[in-house]
């Protein structure tokens, strides 16, 4: 009987220890880790295109498998004025470059239950560039003058590996500053080459979901 009680006590201690180790550590609260879930991420990237500053909002998300691996989709595009060579040739117009990308997003998170940990990710898909006349904000009220013609749209292959430091703020919310490198292949048109489009991006990301 004593042997059985000793064995049960030891088993309970081991289970308790395992359960404790599976707690998600967060800055403000804690919860039990889940084997699978999903999350969405809102990010903003700071990079350069053709030597000019580019602000690039990004969204991605998907299925989070075994609290380690995300598989899903990503979409990002520039949001600011990036002067095109045609801008100097058309002083009455505000010709800007537009860059965007979309595709498969995978992300691996190390020690997801720890308050602070690391993540690596990889975007693999298509990129595009085009030019258009970006009117001043004051001009948007004049519908007759608005010209939304996109010119010389080109598509190509893009891959972007990255790394993040991830902080668990709440059981459903994380913040992740990071860095990535965007590499394009076969970009042509709009006067842009792979060298003009490939560059480092610095980003700040918020993630929401079931981790």
N, C-alpha and C. Protein backbone atom coordinates (compact mmCIF):
# COMPACT_ATOMS: atom_id res chain seq x y z
N UNK A 1 0.83 -1.21 0.00
CA UNK A 1 0.00 0.00 0.00
C UNK A 1 0.87 1.27 0.00
N UNK A 2 1.93 1.22 0.82
CA UNK A 2 2.83 2.36 0.88
C UNK A 2 3.50 2.61 -0.47
N UNK A 3 3.84 1.52 -1.17
CA UNK A 3 4.46 1.65 -2.49
C UNK A 3 3.51 2.33 -3.47
N UNK A 4 2.23 1.91 -3.41
CA UNK A 4 1.23 2.49 -4.31
C UNK A 4 1.06 3.97 -4.03
N UNK A 5 0.97 4.33 -2.72
CA UNK A 5 0.80 5.73 -2.34
C UNK A 5 2.02 6.55 -2.77
N UNK A 6 3.20 5.99 -2.60
CA UNK A 6 4.43 6.69 -3.00
C UNK A 6 4.46 6.91 -4.51
N UNK A 7 4.07 5.88 -5.23
CA UNK A 7 4.04 5.98 -6.70
C UNK A 7 3.05 7.04 -7.15
N UNK A 8 1.84 7.04 -6.55
CA UNK A 8 0.81 8.02 -6.91
C UNK A 8 1.26 9.44 -6.57
N UNK A 9 1.92 9.59 -5.41
CA UNK A 9 2.42 10.91 -5.01
C UNK A 9 3.45 11.43 -6.00
N UNK A 10 4.38 10.54 -6.38
CA UNK A 10 5.41 10.93 -7.35
C UNK A 10 4.79 11.30 -8.69
N UNK A 11 3.78 10.54 -9.13
CA UNK A 11 3.11 10.80 -10.39
C UNK A 11 2.40 12.14 -10.36
N UNK A 12 1.74 12.44 -9.24
CA UNK A 12 1.04 13.72 -9.09
C UNK A 12 2.02 14.89 -9.15
N UNK A 13 3.18 14.70 -8.51
CA UNK A 13 4.21 15.75 -8.52
C UNK A 13 4.72 16.01 -9.94
N UNK A 14 4.92 14.92 -10.68
CA UNK A 14 5.40 15.05 -12.05
C UNK A 14 4.37 15.75 -12.93
N UNK A 15 3.09 15.36 -12.77
CA UNK A 15 2.03 15.98 -13.55
C UNK A 15 1.88 17.45 -13.20
N UNK A 16 2.00 17.76 -11.92
CA UNK A 16 1.91 19.15 -11.47
C UNK A 16 3.04 19.98 -12.06
N UNK A 17 4.25 19.38 -12.05
CA UNK A 17 5.41 20.08 -12.60
C UNK A 17 5.24 20.31 -14.10
N UNK A 18 4.71 19.30 -14.80
CA UNK A 18 4.50 19.44 -16.24
C UNK A 18 3.46 20.51 -16.54
N UNK A 19 2.36 20.50 -15.75
CA UNK A 19 1.31 21.49 -15.94
C UNK A 19 1.84 22.89 -15.71
N UNK A 20 2.68 23.07 -14.70
CA UNK A 20 3.25 24.38 -14.41
C UNK A 20 4.16 24.85 -15.54
N UNK A 21 4.93 23.89 -16.10
CA UNK A 21 5.84 24.25 -17.18
C UNK A 21 5.10 24.64 -18.45
N UNK A 22 3.81 24.24 -18.55
CA UNK A 22 3.03 24.55 -19.73
C UNK A 22 2.25 25.86 -19.61
N UNK A 23 2.50 26.62 -18.54
CA UNK A 23 1.85 27.91 -18.40
C UNK A 23 2.46 28.93 -19.34
N UNK A 24 1.61 29.70 -20.01
CA UNK A 24 2.08 30.80 -20.83
C UNK A 24 2.40 31.97 -19.92
N UNK A 25 3.62 32.41 -19.91
CA UNK A 25 4.02 33.54 -19.09
C UNK A 25 3.78 34.83 -19.86
N UNK A 26 3.01 35.74 -19.27
CA UNK A 26 2.73 37.01 -19.91
C UNK A 26 3.07 38.15 -18.95
N UNK A 27 3.15 39.35 -19.49
CA UNK A 27 3.46 40.51 -18.66
C UNK A 27 2.34 40.79 -17.68
N UNK A 28 1.07 40.63 -18.12
CA UNK A 28 -0.06 41.04 -17.29
C UNK A 28 -0.90 39.87 -16.77
N UNK A 29 -0.78 38.69 -17.37
CA UNK A 29 -1.58 37.55 -16.91
C UNK A 29 -0.97 36.27 -17.44
N UNK A 30 -1.57 35.13 -17.10
CA UNK A 30 -1.08 33.85 -17.59
C UNK A 30 -2.23 32.93 -17.92
N UNK A 31 -2.00 31.96 -18.78
CA UNK A 31 -3.01 30.98 -19.12
C UNK A 31 -2.33 29.72 -19.62
N UNK A 32 -3.06 28.62 -19.64
CA UNK A 32 -2.47 27.37 -20.11
C UNK A 32 -2.21 27.42 -21.60
N UNK A 33 -1.09 26.85 -21.99
CA UNK A 33 -0.73 26.82 -23.40
C UNK A 33 -1.67 25.88 -24.16
N UNK A 34 -1.97 26.19 -25.40
CA UNK A 34 -2.86 25.37 -26.21
C UNK A 34 -2.06 24.74 -27.34
N UNK A 35 -2.45 23.55 -27.72
CA UNK A 35 -1.68 22.82 -28.72
C UNK A 35 -1.80 23.47 -30.10
N UNK A 36 -3.00 23.95 -30.44
CA UNK A 36 -3.19 24.60 -31.73
C UNK A 36 -4.17 25.75 -31.59
N UNK A 37 -4.04 26.71 -32.46
CA UNK A 37 -4.91 27.87 -32.43
C UNK A 37 -4.73 28.66 -33.71
N UNK A 38 -4.67 29.97 -33.58
CA UNK A 38 -4.47 30.82 -34.73
C UNK A 38 -4.34 32.26 -34.29
N UNK A 39 -3.71 33.07 -35.12
CA UNK A 39 -3.60 34.49 -34.79
C UNK A 39 -3.45 35.33 -36.05
N UNK A 40 -3.74 36.61 -35.90
CA UNK A 40 -3.57 37.59 -36.97
C UNK A 40 -2.58 38.64 -36.50
N UNK A 41 -1.79 39.16 -37.43
CA UNK A 41 -0.77 40.14 -37.09
C UNK A 41 -0.95 41.40 -37.93
N UNK A 42 -0.81 42.55 -37.27
CA UNK A 42 -0.81 43.85 -37.93
C UNK A 42 0.58 44.43 -37.75
N UNK A 43 1.23 44.76 -38.86
CA UNK A 43 2.62 45.20 -38.79
C UNK A 43 2.83 46.45 -39.62
N UNK A 44 3.88 47.18 -39.29
CA UNK A 44 4.30 48.31 -40.13
C UNK A 44 5.79 48.20 -40.36
N UNK A 45 6.17 48.23 -41.64
CA UNK A 45 7.57 48.08 -42.02
C UNK A 45 8.14 49.42 -42.47
N UNK A 46 9.40 49.63 -42.15
CA UNK A 46 10.13 50.82 -42.58
C UNK A 46 11.32 50.35 -43.40
N UNK A 47 11.35 50.77 -44.68
CA UNK A 47 12.36 50.28 -45.59
C UNK A 47 12.68 51.35 -46.63
N UNK A 48 13.42 51.00 -47.65
CA UNK A 48 13.68 51.92 -48.77
C UNK A 48 13.42 51.20 -50.09
N UNK A 49 12.94 51.95 -51.05
CA UNK A 49 12.74 51.46 -52.41
C UNK A 49 13.34 52.48 -53.37
N UNK A 50 14.25 52.03 -54.19
CA UNK A 50 14.96 52.91 -55.12
C UNK A 50 15.68 54.04 -54.38
N UNK A 51 16.13 53.75 -53.17
CA UNK A 51 16.87 54.73 -52.38
C UNK A 51 16.01 55.69 -51.60
N UNK A 52 14.68 55.62 -51.73
CA UNK A 52 13.77 56.51 -51.02
C UNK A 52 13.05 55.77 -49.90
N UNK A 53 12.73 56.48 -48.82
CA UNK A 53 12.02 55.88 -47.69
C UNK A 53 10.67 55.33 -48.14
N UNK A 54 10.33 54.15 -47.64
CA UNK A 54 9.04 53.53 -47.95
C UNK A 54 8.40 53.02 -46.66
N UNK A 55 7.16 53.43 -46.44
CA UNK A 55 6.37 52.94 -45.31
C UNK A 55 5.45 51.85 -45.84
N UNK A 56 5.48 50.68 -45.18
CA UNK A 56 4.76 49.53 -45.72
C UNK A 56 3.91 48.83 -44.65
N UNK A 57 2.61 49.15 -44.55
CA UNK A 57 1.72 48.39 -43.66
C UNK A 57 1.61 46.94 -44.15
N UNK A 58 1.44 46.02 -43.19
CA UNK A 58 1.39 44.60 -43.52
C UNK A 58 0.39 43.90 -42.62
N UNK A 59 -0.31 42.93 -43.16
CA UNK A 59 -1.16 42.04 -42.36
C UNK A 59 -0.81 40.60 -42.74
N UNK A 60 -0.84 39.73 -41.74
CA UNK A 60 -0.68 38.30 -42.01
C UNK A 60 -1.30 37.50 -40.87
N UNK A 61 -1.51 36.24 -41.11
CA UNK A 61 -2.10 35.39 -40.08
C UNK A 61 -2.35 34.00 -40.61
N UNK A 62 -2.81 33.13 -39.72
CA UNK A 62 -3.09 31.76 -40.14
C UNK A 62 -3.27 30.82 -38.97
N UNK A 63 -3.04 29.55 -39.22
CA UNK A 63 -3.20 28.48 -38.24
C UNK A 63 -1.90 28.31 -37.48
N UNK A 64 -1.99 28.32 -36.15
CA UNK A 64 -0.82 28.19 -35.27
C UNK A 64 -0.79 26.77 -34.73
N UNK A 65 0.11 25.95 -35.27
CA UNK A 65 0.13 24.52 -34.98
C UNK A 65 1.03 24.20 -33.80
N UNK A 66 0.46 23.50 -32.80
CA UNK A 66 1.23 23.00 -31.66
C UNK A 66 1.97 24.12 -30.92
N UNK A 67 1.42 25.32 -30.95
CA UNK A 67 2.00 26.49 -30.26
C UNK A 67 3.45 26.77 -30.70
N UNK A 68 3.75 26.40 -31.95
CA UNK A 68 5.12 26.58 -32.45
C UNK A 68 5.17 27.15 -33.86
N UNK A 69 4.29 26.66 -34.74
CA UNK A 69 4.47 26.92 -36.17
C UNK A 69 3.20 27.52 -36.77
N UNK A 70 3.35 28.69 -37.41
CA UNK A 70 2.24 29.33 -38.11
C UNK A 70 2.35 29.08 -39.61
N UNK A 71 1.23 28.75 -40.23
CA UNK A 71 1.16 28.68 -41.68
C UNK A 71 -0.07 29.47 -42.12
N UNK A 72 0.13 30.43 -43.03
CA UNK A 72 -0.97 31.28 -43.42
C UNK A 72 -0.63 32.13 -44.63
N UNK A 73 -1.16 33.36 -44.66
CA UNK A 73 -0.99 34.24 -45.81
C UNK A 73 -0.59 35.64 -45.35
N UNK A 74 0.01 36.39 -46.28
CA UNK A 74 0.52 37.74 -45.97
C UNK A 74 0.20 38.69 -47.11
N UNK A 75 -0.01 39.98 -46.75
CA UNK A 75 -0.24 41.03 -47.73
C UNK A 75 0.38 42.32 -47.21
N UNK A 76 1.14 43.01 -48.06
CA UNK A 76 1.78 44.27 -47.67
C UNK A 76 1.89 45.17 -48.89
N UNK A 77 1.87 46.50 -48.66
CA UNK A 77 2.02 47.45 -49.76
C UNK A 77 2.47 48.80 -49.21
N UNK A 78 3.18 49.55 -50.03
CA UNK A 78 3.65 50.87 -49.61
C UNK A 78 2.47 51.84 -49.52
N UNK A 79 2.62 52.85 -48.65
CA UNK A 79 1.52 53.79 -48.42
C UNK A 79 1.93 55.25 -48.61
N UNK A 80 3.20 55.51 -48.85
CA UNK A 80 3.65 56.90 -48.95
C UNK A 80 4.11 57.24 -50.37
N UNK A 81 4.42 58.50 -50.60
CA UNK A 81 4.89 58.97 -51.89
C UNK A 81 6.34 58.56 -52.11
N UNK A 82 6.59 57.82 -53.19
CA UNK A 82 7.94 57.39 -53.57
C UNK A 82 8.16 57.91 -54.99
N UNK A 83 8.91 59.00 -55.15
CA UNK A 83 9.00 59.66 -56.46
C UNK A 83 9.53 58.77 -57.56
N UNK A 84 8.86 58.82 -58.70
CA UNK A 84 9.26 58.10 -59.90
C UNK A 84 10.00 59.06 -60.84
N UNK A 85 10.87 58.57 -61.73
CA UNK A 85 11.52 59.45 -62.71
C UNK A 85 10.52 60.23 -63.55
N UNK A 86 9.32 59.67 -63.73
CA UNK A 86 8.29 60.37 -64.51
C UNK A 86 7.76 61.60 -63.78
N UNK A 87 8.04 61.67 -62.47
CA UNK A 87 7.59 62.82 -61.69
C UNK A 87 8.24 64.10 -62.19
N UNK A 88 9.55 64.06 -62.47
CA UNK A 88 10.26 65.24 -62.95
C UNK A 88 9.87 65.60 -64.39
N UNK A 89 9.41 64.57 -65.14
CA UNK A 89 8.98 64.82 -66.51
C UNK A 89 7.56 65.35 -66.60
N UNK A 90 6.81 65.22 -65.49
CA UNK A 90 5.42 65.70 -65.46
C UNK A 90 5.23 66.53 -64.21
N UNK A 91 5.71 67.78 -64.19
CA UNK A 91 5.64 68.60 -62.98
C UNK A 91 4.23 68.90 -62.51
N UNK A 92 3.24 68.76 -63.42
CA UNK A 92 1.86 69.02 -63.02
C UNK A 92 1.22 67.80 -62.36
N UNK A 93 1.94 66.67 -62.33
CA UNK A 93 1.42 65.45 -61.73
C UNK A 93 2.36 64.97 -60.62
N UNK A 94 1.81 64.19 -59.70
CA UNK A 94 2.60 63.65 -58.60
C UNK A 94 2.76 62.14 -58.83
N UNK A 95 3.66 61.79 -59.75
CA UNK A 95 3.83 60.38 -60.13
C UNK A 95 4.64 59.66 -59.05
N UNK A 96 4.09 58.57 -58.53
CA UNK A 96 4.72 57.82 -57.46
C UNK A 96 4.85 56.35 -57.83
N UNK A 97 5.82 55.69 -57.23
CA UNK A 97 5.91 54.24 -57.30
C UNK A 97 4.97 53.61 -56.28
N UNK A 98 4.44 52.46 -56.62
CA UNK A 98 3.69 51.63 -55.69
C UNK A 98 4.32 50.25 -55.69
N UNK A 99 4.65 49.74 -54.50
CA UNK A 99 5.18 48.38 -54.37
C UNK A 99 4.25 47.59 -53.46
N UNK A 100 4.01 46.33 -53.79
CA UNK A 100 3.22 45.46 -52.94
C UNK A 100 3.69 44.03 -53.04
N UNK A 101 3.26 43.20 -52.09
CA UNK A 101 3.61 41.78 -52.10
C UNK A 101 2.53 40.98 -51.39
N UNK A 102 2.42 39.71 -51.75
CA UNK A 102 1.44 38.82 -51.11
C UNK A 102 1.89 37.39 -51.34
N UNK A 103 1.49 36.49 -50.43
CA UNK A 103 1.88 35.10 -50.60
C UNK A 103 1.79 34.30 -49.32
N UNK A 104 2.49 33.18 -49.31
CA UNK A 104 2.52 32.26 -48.18
C UNK A 104 3.37 32.83 -47.05
N UNK A 105 2.86 32.76 -45.83
CA UNK A 105 3.60 33.21 -44.65
C UNK A 105 3.76 32.05 -43.68
N UNK A 106 5.00 31.77 -43.30
CA UNK A 106 5.27 30.77 -42.26
C UNK A 106 6.08 31.43 -41.15
N UNK A 107 5.84 30.98 -39.93
CA UNK A 107 6.53 31.57 -38.79
C UNK A 107 6.75 30.50 -37.72
N UNK A 108 7.96 30.43 -37.19
CA UNK A 108 8.28 29.48 -36.12
C UNK A 108 8.64 30.26 -34.87
N UNK A 109 7.97 29.92 -33.76
CA UNK A 109 8.18 30.64 -32.49
C UNK A 109 8.86 29.71 -31.49
N UNK A 110 9.97 30.18 -30.95
CA UNK A 110 10.73 29.42 -29.97
C UNK A 110 10.23 29.74 -28.56
N UNK A 111 9.93 28.71 -27.76
CA UNK A 111 9.52 28.89 -26.35
C UNK A 111 8.38 29.88 -26.25
N UNK A 112 7.30 29.58 -26.96
CA UNK A 112 6.15 30.50 -27.04
C UNK A 112 5.54 30.82 -25.69
N UNK A 113 5.72 29.94 -24.70
CA UNK A 113 5.12 30.16 -23.38
C UNK A 113 5.93 31.12 -22.51
N UNK A 114 7.13 31.48 -22.92
CA UNK A 114 7.96 32.40 -22.14
C UNK A 114 7.53 33.85 -22.40
N UNK A 115 7.72 34.70 -21.38
CA UNK A 115 7.32 36.10 -21.54
C UNK A 115 8.02 36.76 -22.72
N UNK A 116 9.31 36.54 -22.84
CA UNK A 116 10.09 37.09 -23.94
C UNK A 116 10.77 35.93 -24.66
N UNK A 117 10.60 35.88 -25.97
CA UNK A 117 11.18 34.79 -26.74
C UNK A 117 11.44 35.28 -28.17
N UNK A 118 11.82 34.37 -29.04
CA UNK A 118 12.20 34.73 -30.40
C UNK A 118 11.31 34.03 -31.42
N UNK A 119 11.19 34.64 -32.58
CA UNK A 119 10.44 34.06 -33.70
C UNK A 119 11.19 34.33 -35.00
N UNK A 120 11.09 33.39 -35.93
CA UNK A 120 11.62 33.59 -37.27
C UNK A 120 10.49 33.34 -38.25
N UNK A 121 10.49 34.07 -39.36
CA UNK A 121 9.41 33.90 -40.33
C UNK A 121 9.94 33.99 -41.76
N UNK A 122 9.08 33.60 -42.68
CA UNK A 122 9.45 33.60 -44.10
C UNK A 122 8.20 33.87 -44.93
N UNK A 123 8.25 34.97 -45.70
CA UNK A 123 7.21 35.27 -46.68
C UNK A 123 7.72 34.81 -48.05
N UNK A 124 6.87 34.10 -48.77
CA UNK A 124 7.27 33.51 -50.04
C UNK A 124 6.12 33.69 -51.03
N UNK A 125 6.29 34.56 -52.04
CA UNK A 125 5.18 34.78 -52.94
C UNK A 125 5.49 35.72 -54.09
N UNK A 126 4.54 36.58 -54.41
CA UNK A 126 4.63 37.48 -55.56
C UNK A 126 4.72 38.93 -55.11
N UNK A 127 5.46 39.70 -55.88
CA UNK A 127 5.52 41.14 -55.68
C UNK A 127 5.06 41.86 -56.93
N UNK A 128 4.71 43.14 -56.79
CA UNK A 128 4.32 43.92 -57.96
C UNK A 128 4.74 45.37 -57.79
N UNK A 129 4.95 46.05 -58.90
CA UNK A 129 5.21 47.49 -58.90
C UNK A 129 4.34 48.14 -59.97
N UNK A 130 4.01 49.39 -59.76
CA UNK A 130 3.29 50.19 -60.75
C UNK A 130 3.55 51.66 -60.44
N UNK A 131 3.10 52.52 -61.32
CA UNK A 131 3.20 53.96 -61.12
C UNK A 131 1.80 54.56 -61.24
N UNK A 132 1.54 55.63 -60.50
CA UNK A 132 0.27 56.31 -60.65
C UNK A 132 0.41 57.76 -60.20
N UNK A 133 -0.56 58.56 -60.56
CA UNK A 133 -0.58 59.98 -60.22
C UNK A 133 -1.21 60.12 -58.83
N UNK A 134 -0.37 60.41 -57.86
CA UNK A 134 -0.84 60.53 -56.47
C UNK A 134 -1.14 62.01 -56.19
N UNK A 135 -2.39 62.35 -56.22
CA UNK A 135 -2.79 63.74 -56.00
C UNK A 135 -2.58 64.14 -54.55
N UNK A 136 -2.46 65.44 -54.32
CA UNK A 136 -2.42 65.94 -52.95
C UNK A 136 -3.76 65.68 -52.28
N UNK A 137 -3.74 65.56 -50.97
CA UNK A 137 -4.98 65.30 -50.22
C UNK A 137 -6.05 66.34 -50.55
N UNK A 138 -5.66 67.58 -50.76
CA UNK A 138 -6.63 68.64 -51.03
C UNK A 138 -7.31 68.45 -52.37
N UNK A 139 -6.66 67.72 -53.26
CA UNK A 139 -7.22 67.52 -54.60
C UNK A 139 -8.29 66.44 -54.64
N UNK A 140 -8.40 65.63 -53.59
CA UNK A 140 -9.31 64.49 -53.64
C UNK A 140 -10.77 64.90 -53.67
N UNK A 141 -11.05 66.15 -53.30
CA UNK A 141 -12.43 66.63 -53.33
C UNK A 141 -12.90 66.92 -54.76
N UNK A 142 -11.95 67.04 -55.69
CA UNK A 142 -12.30 67.36 -57.06
C UNK A 142 -12.32 66.08 -57.88
N UNK A 143 -13.48 65.42 -57.88
CA UNK A 143 -13.59 64.13 -58.54
C UNK A 143 -13.28 64.20 -60.03
N UNK A 144 -13.62 65.34 -60.67
CA UNK A 144 -13.39 65.45 -62.10
C UNK A 144 -11.91 65.47 -62.44
N UNK A 145 -11.08 65.92 -61.47
CA UNK A 145 -9.64 66.03 -61.73
C UNK A 145 -8.88 64.79 -61.31
N UNK A 146 -9.55 63.85 -60.61
CA UNK A 146 -8.84 62.68 -60.08
C UNK A 146 -8.52 61.68 -61.18
N UNK A 147 -7.26 61.33 -61.28
CA UNK A 147 -6.81 60.38 -62.30
C UNK A 147 -6.23 59.17 -61.62
N UNK A 148 -6.94 58.03 -61.70
CA UNK A 148 -6.53 56.83 -60.98
C UNK A 148 -5.91 55.80 -61.93
N UNK A 149 -5.33 56.28 -63.03
CA UNK A 149 -4.75 55.35 -63.99
C UNK A 149 -3.42 54.80 -63.49
N UNK A 150 -3.33 53.48 -63.42
CA UNK A 150 -2.09 52.81 -63.04
C UNK A 150 -1.34 52.45 -64.31
N UNK A 151 -0.05 52.62 -64.31
CA UNK A 151 0.73 52.37 -65.53
C UNK A 151 1.85 51.37 -65.26
N UNK A 152 2.11 50.55 -66.28
CA UNK A 152 3.27 49.67 -66.29
C UNK A 152 3.33 48.74 -65.08
N UNK A 153 2.21 48.08 -64.79
CA UNK A 153 2.19 47.14 -63.67
C UNK A 153 3.00 45.90 -64.02
N UNK A 154 3.90 45.50 -63.11
CA UNK A 154 4.77 44.34 -63.32
C UNK A 154 4.73 43.44 -62.09
N UNK A 155 4.79 42.12 -62.33
CA UNK A 155 4.82 41.14 -61.23
C UNK A 155 6.12 40.35 -61.28
N UNK A 156 6.52 39.82 -60.13
CA UNK A 156 7.78 39.09 -60.03
C UNK A 156 7.76 38.27 -58.74
N UNK A 157 8.78 37.47 -58.54
CA UNK A 157 8.89 36.63 -57.36
C UNK A 157 9.61 37.37 -56.23
N UNK A 158 9.15 37.17 -54.99
CA UNK A 158 9.78 37.82 -53.83
C UNK A 158 9.82 36.84 -52.66
N UNK A 159 10.90 36.89 -51.92
CA UNK A 159 11.06 36.10 -50.70
C UNK A 159 11.59 37.02 -49.61
N UNK A 160 11.08 36.86 -48.39
CA UNK A 160 11.48 37.75 -47.31
C UNK A 160 11.60 36.99 -45.98
N UNK A 161 12.81 36.59 -45.61
CA UNK A 161 13.02 35.99 -44.28
C UNK A 161 13.17 37.09 -43.23
N UNK A 162 12.77 36.77 -41.99
CA UNK A 162 12.87 37.76 -40.93
C UNK A 162 12.99 37.12 -39.56
N UNK A 163 13.28 37.95 -38.56
CA UNK A 163 13.39 37.51 -37.17
C UNK A 163 12.76 38.57 -36.27
N UNK A 164 12.20 38.12 -35.15
CA UNK A 164 11.53 39.02 -34.21
C UNK A 164 11.86 38.65 -32.77
N UNK A 165 11.83 39.66 -31.92
CA UNK A 165 11.77 39.44 -30.47
C UNK A 165 10.30 39.58 -30.09
N UNK A 166 9.75 38.57 -29.44
CA UNK A 166 8.31 38.57 -29.14
C UNK A 166 8.06 38.66 -27.64
N UNK A 167 7.13 39.54 -27.27
CA UNK A 167 6.79 39.76 -25.85
C UNK A 167 5.32 39.44 -25.65
N UNK A 168 5.01 38.54 -24.72
CA UNK A 168 3.62 38.19 -24.41
C UNK A 168 3.03 39.25 -23.47
N UNK A 169 2.21 40.14 -24.01
CA UNK A 169 1.56 41.15 -23.18
C UNK A 169 0.38 40.56 -22.43
N UNK A 170 -0.48 39.85 -23.15
CA UNK A 170 -1.64 39.16 -22.60
C UNK A 170 -1.72 37.78 -23.22
N UNK A 171 -2.62 36.93 -22.74
CA UNK A 171 -2.71 35.59 -23.30
C UNK A 171 -3.17 35.62 -24.76
N UNK A 172 -3.78 36.73 -25.20
CA UNK A 172 -4.27 36.83 -26.57
C UNK A 172 -3.58 37.95 -27.38
N UNK A 173 -2.55 38.57 -26.82
CA UNK A 173 -1.92 39.71 -27.49
C UNK A 173 -0.42 39.71 -27.26
N UNK A 174 0.34 39.93 -28.36
CA UNK A 174 1.80 39.97 -28.29
C UNK A 174 2.33 41.14 -29.13
N UNK A 175 3.48 41.64 -28.76
CA UNK A 175 4.15 42.69 -29.52
C UNK A 175 5.51 42.18 -29.96
N UNK A 176 5.87 42.45 -31.22
CA UNK A 176 7.08 41.84 -31.78
C UNK A 176 7.84 42.82 -32.67
N UNK A 177 8.84 43.51 -32.14
CA UNK A 177 9.74 44.27 -33.02
C UNK A 177 10.66 43.31 -33.76
N UNK A 178 11.01 43.66 -35.00
CA UNK A 178 11.84 42.73 -35.76
C UNK A 178 12.53 43.36 -36.96
N UNK A 179 13.18 42.51 -37.70
CA UNK A 179 13.94 42.90 -38.88
C UNK A 179 13.78 41.81 -39.94
N UNK A 180 13.78 42.20 -41.21
CA UNK A 180 13.67 41.23 -42.30
C UNK A 180 14.46 41.73 -43.50
N UNK A 181 14.65 40.85 -44.46
CA UNK A 181 15.33 41.24 -45.70
C UNK A 181 14.49 40.80 -46.89
N UNK A 182 14.07 41.74 -47.68
CA UNK A 182 13.24 41.50 -48.86
C UNK A 182 14.14 41.32 -50.08
N UNK A 183 13.97 40.19 -50.80
CA UNK A 183 14.75 39.91 -51.99
C UNK A 183 13.81 39.59 -53.14
N UNK A 184 13.90 40.36 -54.23
CA UNK A 184 13.05 40.12 -55.39
C UNK A 184 13.87 39.48 -56.52
N UNK A 185 13.16 38.77 -57.40
CA UNK A 185 13.79 38.09 -58.53
C UNK A 185 12.97 38.36 -59.79
N UNK A 186 13.62 38.89 -60.82
CA UNK A 186 12.94 39.12 -62.08
C UNK A 186 12.15 40.41 -62.15
N UNK A 187 12.42 41.36 -61.25
CA UNK A 187 11.71 42.64 -61.30
C UNK A 187 12.19 43.45 -62.49
N UNK A 188 11.26 43.99 -63.23
CA UNK A 188 11.60 44.86 -64.36
C UNK A 188 10.39 45.73 -64.66
N UNK A 189 10.63 46.83 -65.27
CA UNK A 189 9.56 47.78 -65.54
C UNK A 189 9.56 48.89 -64.51
N UNK A 190 9.00 50.02 -64.87
CA UNK A 190 8.94 51.19 -64.00
C UNK A 190 10.32 51.75 -63.67
N UNK A 191 11.36 51.28 -64.38
CA UNK A 191 12.71 51.76 -64.07
C UNK A 191 13.27 51.17 -62.79
N UNK A 192 12.67 50.11 -62.27
CA UNK A 192 13.11 49.47 -61.03
C UNK A 192 13.74 48.12 -61.32
N UNK A 193 14.84 47.82 -60.65
CA UNK A 193 15.51 46.53 -60.77
C UNK A 193 15.41 45.79 -59.44
N UNK A 194 15.89 44.54 -59.42
CA UNK A 194 15.92 43.79 -58.16
C UNK A 194 16.76 44.52 -57.11
N UNK A 195 17.83 45.15 -57.55
CA UNK A 195 18.67 45.89 -56.61
C UNK A 195 17.95 47.09 -56.00
N UNK A 196 17.03 47.71 -56.75
CA UNK A 196 16.27 48.85 -56.24
C UNK A 196 15.21 48.43 -55.23
N UNK A 197 14.70 47.20 -55.40
CA UNK A 197 13.60 46.74 -54.56
C UNK A 197 14.04 45.90 -53.37
N UNK A 198 15.19 45.25 -53.46
CA UNK A 198 15.67 44.37 -52.39
C UNK A 198 16.35 45.21 -51.31
N UNK A 199 15.88 45.03 -50.05
CA UNK A 199 16.47 45.82 -48.97
C UNK A 199 16.01 45.30 -47.61
N UNK A 200 16.65 45.83 -46.58
CA UNK A 200 16.30 45.51 -45.19
C UNK A 200 15.03 46.27 -44.80
N UNK A 201 14.18 45.63 -44.00
CA UNK A 201 13.00 46.27 -43.42
C UNK A 201 13.05 46.14 -41.90
N UNK A 202 12.71 47.23 -41.21
CA UNK A 202 12.54 47.19 -39.76
C UNK A 202 11.04 47.27 -39.49
N UNK A 203 10.56 46.50 -38.54
CA UNK A 203 9.11 46.44 -38.36
C UNK A 203 8.71 46.37 -36.89
N UNK A 204 7.46 46.77 -36.66
CA UNK A 204 6.82 46.62 -35.36
C UNK A 204 5.49 45.92 -35.58
N UNK A 205 5.27 44.83 -34.86
CA UNK A 205 4.12 43.97 -35.12
C UNK A 205 3.31 43.73 -33.85
N UNK A 206 1.99 43.77 -33.98
CA UNK A 206 1.07 43.37 -32.93
C UNK A 206 0.35 42.10 -33.38
N UNK A 207 0.28 41.10 -32.50
CA UNK A 207 -0.37 39.84 -32.84
C UNK A 207 -1.53 39.59 -31.89
N UNK A 208 -2.67 39.15 -32.46
CA UNK A 208 -3.87 38.90 -31.69
C UNK A 208 -4.41 37.51 -32.03
N UNK A 209 -4.76 36.72 -31.03
CA UNK A 209 -5.33 35.42 -31.32
C UNK A 209 -5.22 34.44 -30.19
N UNK A 210 -5.33 33.18 -30.55
CA UNK A 210 -5.24 32.06 -29.61
C UNK A 210 -3.89 31.41 -29.77
N UNK A 211 -3.01 31.71 -28.84
CA UNK A 211 -1.63 31.22 -28.92
C UNK A 211 -1.45 29.91 -28.16
